[in-house]
Amino acid sequence: MAFDFKKYHVRAMNAADESEKAAINKELKDYYARLPEEEKAGFNEALQSFLIKEMGKIKSVYDGVEIPEPSQN
């Protein structure tokens, strides 16, 4: 199964407000609810994999930021 999680992720990041984010989340939940039971496990695994990769990217950026030491006057 190939689901474009990134499309939803980007839409949620660019949502104008919390109600738009909630609508996107509901869209995903409705999609999941319509899946046949035998496809739900694969969807969950693909979602987990996507989230782990995205968190890895965020951690990489975070780790690459150097925070200057506070100056002591």
C-alpha atoms as a PDB file:
ATOM      1  CA  MET A   1       0.000   0.000   0.000  1.00  0.00           C
ATOM      2  CA  ALA A   2       1.346   3.424  -0.916  1.00  0.00           C
ATOM      3  CA  PHE A   3      -0.178   6.285   1.017  1.00  0.00           C
ATOM      4  CA  ASP A   4       1.212   9.809   0.738  1.00  0.00           C
ATOM      5  CA  PHE A   5       1.726  10.653   4.408  1.00  0.00           C
ATOM      6  CA  LYS A   6       4.001  13.553   3.491  1.00  0.00           C
ATOM      7  CA  LYS A   7       1.145  15.315   1.688  1.00  0.00           C
ATOM      8  CA  TYR A   8      -0.943  15.287   4.872  1.00  0.00           C
ATOM      9  CA  HIS A   9       2.039  16.179   7.029  1.00  0.00           C
ATOM     10  CA  VAL A  10       2.825  19.260   4.919  1.00  0.00           C
ATOM     11  CA  ARG A  11      -0.834  20.290   4.837  1.00  0.00           C
ATOM     12  CA  ALA A  12      -1.022  20.048   8.640  1.00  0.00           C
ATOM     13  CA  MET A  13       2.194  22.038   9.084  1.00  0.00           C
ATOM     14  CA  ASN A  14       0.819  24.777   6.834  1.00  0.00           C
ATOM     15  CA  ALA A  15      -2.694  24.779   8.294  1.00  0.00           C
ATOM     16  CA  ALA A  16      -3.994  28.241   9.052  1.00  0.00           C
ATOM     17  CA  ASP A  17      -5.386  27.268  12.456  1.00  0.00           C
ATOM     18  CA  GLU A  18      -6.253  24.414  14.786  1.00  0.00           C
ATOM     19  CA  SER A  19      -9.638  23.811  13.147  1.00  0.00           C
ATOM     20  CA  GLU A  20      -7.955  23.219   9.798  1.00  0.00           C
ATOM     21  CA  LYS A  21      -5.507  20.797  11.471  1.00  0.00           C
ATOM     22  CA  ALA A  22      -8.459  19.012  13.087  1.00  0.00           C
ATOM     23  CA  ALA A  23     -10.168  18.699   9.691  1.00  0.00           C
ATOM     24  CA  ILE A  24      -7.017  17.168   8.176  1.00  0.00           C
ATOM     25  CA  ASN A  25      -6.773  14.746  11.112  1.00  0.00           C
ATOM     26  CA  LYS A  26     -10.434  13.770  10.649  1.00  0.00           C
ATOM     27  CA  GLU A  27      -9.785  13.183   6.949  1.00  0.00           C
ATOM     28  CA  LEU A  28      -7.023  10.717   7.860  1.00  0.00           C
ATOM     29  CA  LYS A  29      -9.158   9.002  10.494  1.00  0.00           C
ATOM     30  CA  ASP A  30     -12.023   8.640   8.002  1.00  0.00           C
ATOM     31  CA  TYR A  31      -9.625   7.188   5.418  1.00  0.00           C
ATOM     32  CA  TYR A  32      -8.329   4.689   7.988  1.00  0.00           C
ATOM     33  CA  ALA A  33     -11.859   3.727   9.012  1.00  0.00           C
ATOM     34  CA  ARG A  34     -12.699   2.869   5.391  1.00  0.00           C
ATOM     35  CA  LEU A  35      -9.691   0.557   5.005  1.00  0.00           C
ATOM     36  CA  PRO A  36     -10.336  -3.185   5.009  1.00  0.00           C
ATOM     37  CA  GLU A  37      -9.152  -4.754   8.278  1.00  0.00           C
ATOM     38  CA  GLU A  38      -6.331  -6.608   6.519  1.00  0.00           C
ATOM     39  CA  GLU A  39      -4.855  -3.287   5.283  1.00  0.00           C
ATOM     40  CA  LYS A  40      -4.949  -1.426   8.601  1.00  0.00           C
ATOM     41  CA  ALA A  41      -1.821  -3.090  10.012  1.00  0.00           C
ATOM     42  CA  GLY A  42       0.164  -2.158   6.892  1.00  0.00           C
ATOM     43  CA  PHE A  43      -1.130   1.415   7.069  1.00  0.00           C
ATOM     44  CA  ASN A  44      -0.081   1.656  10.740  1.00  0.00           C
ATOM     45  CA  GLU A  45       3.384   0.284   9.966  1.00  0.00           C
ATOM     46  CA  ALA A  46       3.837   2.714   7.062  1.00  0.00           C
ATOM     47  CA  LEU A  47       2.688   5.614   9.253  1.00  0.00           C
ATOM     48  CA  GLN A  48       5.086   4.610  12.023  1.00  0.00           C
ATOM     49  CA  SER A  49       7.941   4.371   9.545  1.00  0.00           C
ATOM     50  CA  PHE A  50       7.109   7.816   8.126  1.00  0.00           C
ATOM     51  CA  LEU A  51       6.958   9.381  11.596  1.00  0.00           C
ATOM     52  CA  ILE A  52      10.272   7.817  12.639  1.00  0.00           C
ATOM     53  CA  LYS A  53      11.948   9.176   9.494  1.00  0.00           C
ATOM     54  CA  GLU A  54      10.493  12.648  10.049  1.00  0.00           C
ATOM     55  CA  MET A  55      11.568  12.675  13.700  1.00  0.00           C
ATOM     56  CA  GLY A  56      15.046  11.604  12.583  1.00  0.00           C
ATOM     57  CA  LYS A  57      15.197  14.558  10.202  1.00  0.00           C
ATOM     58  CA  ILE A  58      14.107  16.951  12.935  1.00  0.00           C
ATOM     59  CA  LYS A  59      16.667  15.504  15.362  1.00  0.00           C
ATOM     60  CA  SER A  60      19.391  15.859  12.746  1.00  0.00           C
ATOM     61  CA  VAL A  61      18.592  19.536  12.270  1.00  0.00           C
ATOM     62  CA  TYR A  62      18.323  20.068  16.035  1.00  0.00           C
ATOM     63  CA  ASP A  63      21.657  18.356  16.649  1.00  0.00           C
ATOM     64  CA  GLY A  64      23.266  20.506  13.962  1.00  0.00           C
ATOM     65  CA  VAL A  65      22.314  23.762  15.647  1.00  0.00           C
ATOM     66  CA  GLU A  66      25.037  25.191  17.801  1.00  0.00           C
ATOM     67  CA  ILE A  67      23.809  27.213  20.730  1.00  0.00           C
ATOM     68  CA  PRO A  68      26.342  29.836  21.745  1.00  0.00           C
ATOM     69  CA  GLU A  69      27.519  29.851  25.329  1.00  0.00           C
ATOM     70  CA  PRO A  70      26.099  32.770  27.306  1.00  0.00           C
ATOM     71  CA  SER A  71      28.648  35.526  27.618  1.00  0.00           C
ATOM     72  CA  GLN A  72      29.869  36.220  31.102  1.00  0.00           C
ATOM     73  CA  ASN A  73      30.503  39.914  31.624  1.00  0.00           C
END
